[in-house]
Amino acid sequence: MDYWSVEVMYYDDGNQAFNTYMVKAQDQNDAMNKAHHRFEKAHPNMNCMIHNAEKAGG
């Protein structure tokens, strides 16, 4: 498992905004899923798109 930095984009009152999550994941897909899940827990009823996902180290 490695650490991944995942940036998500979303709209807050019509304004584009970004959030970055540091997650521990098996691969890039797992990292994106975990970041998406964290976003949904913190922002109920809001949608986001993955903007960037990079390996941050192990």
C-alpha atoms as a PDB file:
ATOM      1  CA  MET A   1       0.000   0.000   0.000  1.00  0.00           C
ATOM      2  CA  ASP A   2       1.223   3.478  -0.885  1.00  0.00           C
ATOM      3  CA  TYR A   3       0.133   6.984  -0.041  1.00  0.00           C
ATOM      4  CA  TRP A   4      -1.660   8.872  -2.790  1.00  0.00           C
ATOM      5  CA  SER A   5      -2.505  12.551  -3.115  1.00  0.00           C
ATOM      6  CA  VAL A   6      -5.912  12.855  -4.750  1.00  0.00           C
ATOM      7  CA  GLU A   7      -7.337  16.223  -5.803  1.00  0.00           C
ATOM      8  CA  VAL A   8     -11.092  16.461  -6.299  1.00  0.00           C
ATOM      9  CA  MET A   9     -13.009  19.253  -8.012  1.00  0.00           C
ATOM     10  CA  TYR A  10     -16.504  20.268  -7.006  1.00  0.00           C
ATOM     11  CA  TYR A  11     -18.862  23.231  -7.216  1.00  0.00           C
ATOM     12  CA  ASP A  12     -19.738  25.161  -4.059  1.00  0.00           C
ATOM     13  CA  ASP A  13     -22.598  27.611  -4.664  1.00  0.00           C
ATOM     14  CA  GLY A  14     -21.682  27.718  -8.344  1.00  0.00           C
ATOM     15  CA  ASN A  15     -17.989  28.362  -7.697  1.00  0.00           C
ATOM     16  CA  GLN A  16     -15.400  25.798  -8.709  1.00  0.00           C
ATOM     17  CA  ALA A  17     -13.440  24.505  -5.710  1.00  0.00           C
ATOM     18  CA  PHE A  18     -10.790  21.873  -5.025  1.00  0.00           C
ATOM     19  CA  ASN A  19      -9.999  19.564  -2.112  1.00  0.00           C
ATOM     20  CA  THR A  20      -6.922  17.381  -1.728  1.00  0.00           C
ATOM     21  CA  TYR A  21      -7.007  14.108   0.196  1.00  0.00           C
ATOM     22  CA  MET A  22      -4.051  11.993   1.283  1.00  0.00           C
ATOM     23  CA  VAL A  23      -5.113   8.343   1.233  1.00  0.00           C
ATOM     24  CA  LYS A  24      -3.384   4.997   1.686  1.00  0.00           C
ATOM     25  CA  ALA A  25      -4.344   2.728  -1.201  1.00  0.00           C
ATOM     26  CA  GLN A  26      -3.274  -0.301  -3.247  1.00  0.00           C
ATOM     27  CA  ASP A  27      -3.373   1.492  -6.604  1.00  0.00           C
ATOM     28  CA  GLN A  28      -4.587   4.655  -8.311  1.00  0.00           C
ATOM     29  CA  ASN A  29      -8.148   3.371  -8.739  1.00  0.00           C
ATOM     30  CA  ASP A  30      -8.380   2.433  -5.048  1.00  0.00           C
ATOM     31  CA  ALA A  31      -7.028   5.874  -4.109  1.00  0.00           C
ATOM     32  CA  MET A  32      -9.621   7.660  -6.254  1.00  0.00           C
ATOM     33  CA  ASN A  33     -12.445   5.581  -4.760  1.00  0.00           C
ATOM     34  CA  LYS A  34     -11.290   6.309  -1.202  1.00  0.00           C
ATOM     35  CA  ALA A  35     -10.991  10.049  -1.858  1.00  0.00           C
ATOM     36  CA  HIS A  36     -14.441  10.110  -3.477  1.00  0.00           C
ATOM     37  CA  HIS A  37     -15.906   8.297  -0.465  1.00  0.00           C
ATOM     38  CA  ARG A  38     -14.265  10.770   1.951  1.00  0.00           C
ATOM     39  CA  PHE A  39     -15.646  13.699  -0.026  1.00  0.00           C
ATOM     40  CA  GLU A  40     -19.177  12.264   0.054  1.00  0.00           C
ATOM     41  CA  LYS A  41     -18.975  11.728   3.829  1.00  0.00           C
ATOM     42  CA  ALA A  42     -17.863  15.335   4.377  1.00  0.00           C
ATOM     43  CA  HIS A  43     -20.207  16.899   1.781  1.00  0.00           C
ATOM     44  CA  PRO A  44     -23.526  15.021   1.699  1.00  0.00           C
ATOM     45  CA  ASN A  45     -25.636  15.501  -1.442  1.00  0.00           C
ATOM     46  CA  MET A  46     -22.736  17.051  -3.383  1.00  0.00           C
ATOM     47  CA  ASN A  47     -20.916  15.625  -6.398  1.00  0.00           C
ATOM     48  CA  CYS A  48     -17.229  15.744  -7.179  1.00  0.00           C
ATOM     49  CA  MET A  49     -14.866  14.745  -9.974  1.00  0.00           C
ATOM     50  CA  ILE A  50     -11.340  13.438  -9.557  1.00  0.00           C
ATOM     51  CA  HIS A  51      -9.011  16.115 -10.899  1.00  0.00           C
ATOM     52  CA  ASN A  52      -5.634  14.470 -10.214  1.00  0.00           C
ATOM     53  CA  ALA A  53      -4.246  11.397  -8.424  1.00  0.00           C
ATOM     54  CA  GLU A  54      -0.520  10.983  -7.825  1.00  0.00           C
ATOM     55  CA  LYS A  55       1.513   8.549  -5.778  1.00  0.00           C
ATOM     56  CA  ALA A  56       3.006  10.423  -2.816  1.00  0.00           C
ATOM     57  CA  GLY A  57       5.325   7.690  -1.515  1.00  0.00           C
ATOM     58  CA  GLY A  58       5.209   4.549   0.589  1.00  0.00           C
END
